[in-house]
């Protein structure tokens, strides 16, 4: 398990930004939905799911992140910070970053 320090928490916040940016690049551009673009949408959705799964795998393997599901909320606990979200992985990671920033601010107070 990674040590919980100010520097490590700041590093993890930046790492989540990096992984999220890589996910967007891997999934590619999503065309505006319409009936004619349904096939393209399904391909994008498949790439998007695979890219988020890779982010989850990397955070679990490299950073000791623990992902779960509690009712209809996805959860992430990493470096002593826990976050939940009902709207998917991107929201979960943003919520985790916000909670981690609050923890840093509280430590500085």
Protein backbone atom coordinates (compact mmCIF):
# COMPACT_ATOMS: atom_id res chain seq x y z
CA UNK A 1 0.00 0.00 0.00
CA UNK A 2 1.27 3.47 -0.86
CA UNK A 3 2.17 5.79 1.99
CA UNK A 4 -0.33 8.58 2.56
CA UNK A 5 1.65 11.82 2.45
CA UNK A 6 0.94 15.27 1.12
CA UNK A 7 3.34 14.72 -1.78
CA UNK A 8 1.84 11.33 -2.60
CA UNK A 9 -1.69 12.70 -2.54
CA UNK A 10 -0.72 15.60 -4.84
CA UNK A 11 1.01 13.09 -7.15
CA UNK A 12 -2.12 10.94 -7.27
CA UNK A 13 -4.33 13.91 -8.13
CA UNK A 14 -2.04 14.65 -11.09
CA UNK A 15 -1.91 10.95 -12.04
CA UNK A 16 -5.71 10.80 -12.20
CA UNK A 17 -5.67 13.85 -14.52
CA UNK A 18 -3.11 12.09 -16.73
CA UNK A 19 -5.04 8.83 -16.88
CA UNK A 20 -8.33 10.60 -17.61
CA UNK A 21 -6.70 12.50 -20.49
CA UNK A 22 -5.28 9.24 -21.87
CA UNK A 23 -8.74 7.67 -21.62
CA UNK A 24 -10.31 10.46 -23.66
CA UNK A 25 -7.62 10.06 -26.31
CA UNK A 26 -8.02 6.26 -26.39
CA UNK A 27 -11.82 6.42 -26.69
CA UNK A 28 -11.65 9.03 -29.43
CA UNK A 29 -14.24 11.53 -30.50
CA UNK A 30 -17.88 10.60 -30.03
CA UNK A 31 -20.09 11.75 -32.83
CA UNK A 32 -23.37 13.42 -32.06
CA UNK A 33 -25.94 10.67 -31.61
CA UNK A 34 -28.46 10.04 -34.34
CA UNK A 35 -29.93 6.92 -35.90
CA UNK A 36 -27.50 7.00 -38.85
CA UNK A 37 -24.50 7.11 -36.48
CA UNK A 38 -25.66 4.24 -34.26
CA UNK A 39 -22.94 1.87 -35.47
CA UNK A 40 -20.23 4.48 -34.82
CA UNK A 41 -21.71 5.14 -31.38
CA UNK A 42 -21.50 1.46 -30.44
CA UNK A 43 -17.86 1.32 -31.51
CA UNK A 44 -17.10 4.45 -29.50
CA UNK A 45 -18.93 3.09 -26.45
CA UNK A 46 -16.88 -0.11 -26.65
CA UNK A 47 -13.60 1.86 -26.86
CA UNK A 48 -14.75 4.12 -24.04
CA UNK A 49 -15.57 1.20 -21.71
CA UNK A 50 -12.25 -0.50 -22.49
CA UNK A 51 -10.30 2.71 -21.85
CA UNK A 52 -12.00 3.29 -18.46
CA UNK A 53 -11.38 -0.36 -17.52
CA UNK A 54 -7.68 0.21 -18.21
CA UNK A 55 -7.69 3.31 -15.96
CA UNK A 56 -9.33 1.29 -13.19
CA UNK A 57 -6.83 -1.55 -13.62
CA UNK A 58 -3.85 0.82 -13.51
CA UNK A 59 -5.05 2.62 -10.39
CA UNK A 60 -5.71 -0.70 -8.64
CA UNK A 61 -2.39 -2.25 -9.66
CA UNK A 62 -0.07 0.77 -9.40
CA UNK A 63 -1.67 2.92 -6.70
CA UNK A 64 -3.61 0.52 -4.48
CA UNK A 65 -6.98 1.95 -5.49
CA UNK A 66 -10.06 -0.06 -4.53
CA UNK A 67 -13.12 0.28 -6.73
CA UNK A 68 -16.53 -0.97 -5.72
CA UNK A 69 -20.25 -0.61 -6.10
CA UNK A 70 -22.50 0.39 -3.22
CA UNK A 71 -26.15 0.43 -4.24
CA UNK A 72 -26.19 2.49 -7.41
CA UNK A 73 -22.99 4.39 -6.56
CA UNK A 74 -19.51 3.54 -7.78
CA UNK A 75 -16.85 3.96 -5.10
CA UNK A 76 -13.11 4.57 -5.09
CA UNK A 77 -10.85 4.46 -2.06
CA UNK A 78 -7.23 5.38 -2.64
CA UNK A 79 -4.57 6.86 -0.35
CA UNK A 80 -7.05 7.16 2.49
CA UNK A 81 -9.54 9.14 0.41
CA UNK A 82 -12.97 7.74 -0.46
CA UNK A 83 -15.35 9.04 -3.11
CA UNK A 84 -18.64 7.92 -4.62
CA UNK A 85 -20.49 8.75 -7.81
CA UNK A 86 -23.66 7.57 -9.53
CA UNK A 87 -22.76 8.93 -12.97
CA UNK A 88 -19.80 6.79 -14.00
CA UNK A 89 -16.04 6.63 -13.89
CA UNK A 90 -15.26 10.19 -15.03
CA UNK A 91 -17.46 11.61 -12.28
CA UNK A 92 -16.01 9.20 -9.73
CA UNK A 93 -12.47 10.31 -10.51
CA UNK A 94 -13.43 14.00 -10.36
CA UNK A 95 -15.13 13.38 -7.01
CA UNK A 96 -12.07 11.55 -5.71
CA UNK A 97 -9.82 14.43 -6.78
CA UNK A 98 -12.11 16.95 -5.06
CA UNK A 99 -12.07 14.89 -1.85
CA UNK A 100 -8.27 14.56 -2.05
CA UNK A 101 -7.91 18.33 -2.52
CA UNK A 102 -10.14 18.93 0.51
CA UNK A 103 -7.95 16.58 2.51
CA UNK A 104 -4.85 18.53 1.44
CA UNK A 105 -6.50 21.86 2.34
CA UNK A 106 -7.53 20.50 5.74
CA UNK A 107 -3.97 19.33 6.39
CA UNK A 108 -2.67 22.81 5.53
CA UNK A 109 -5.12 24.56 7.88
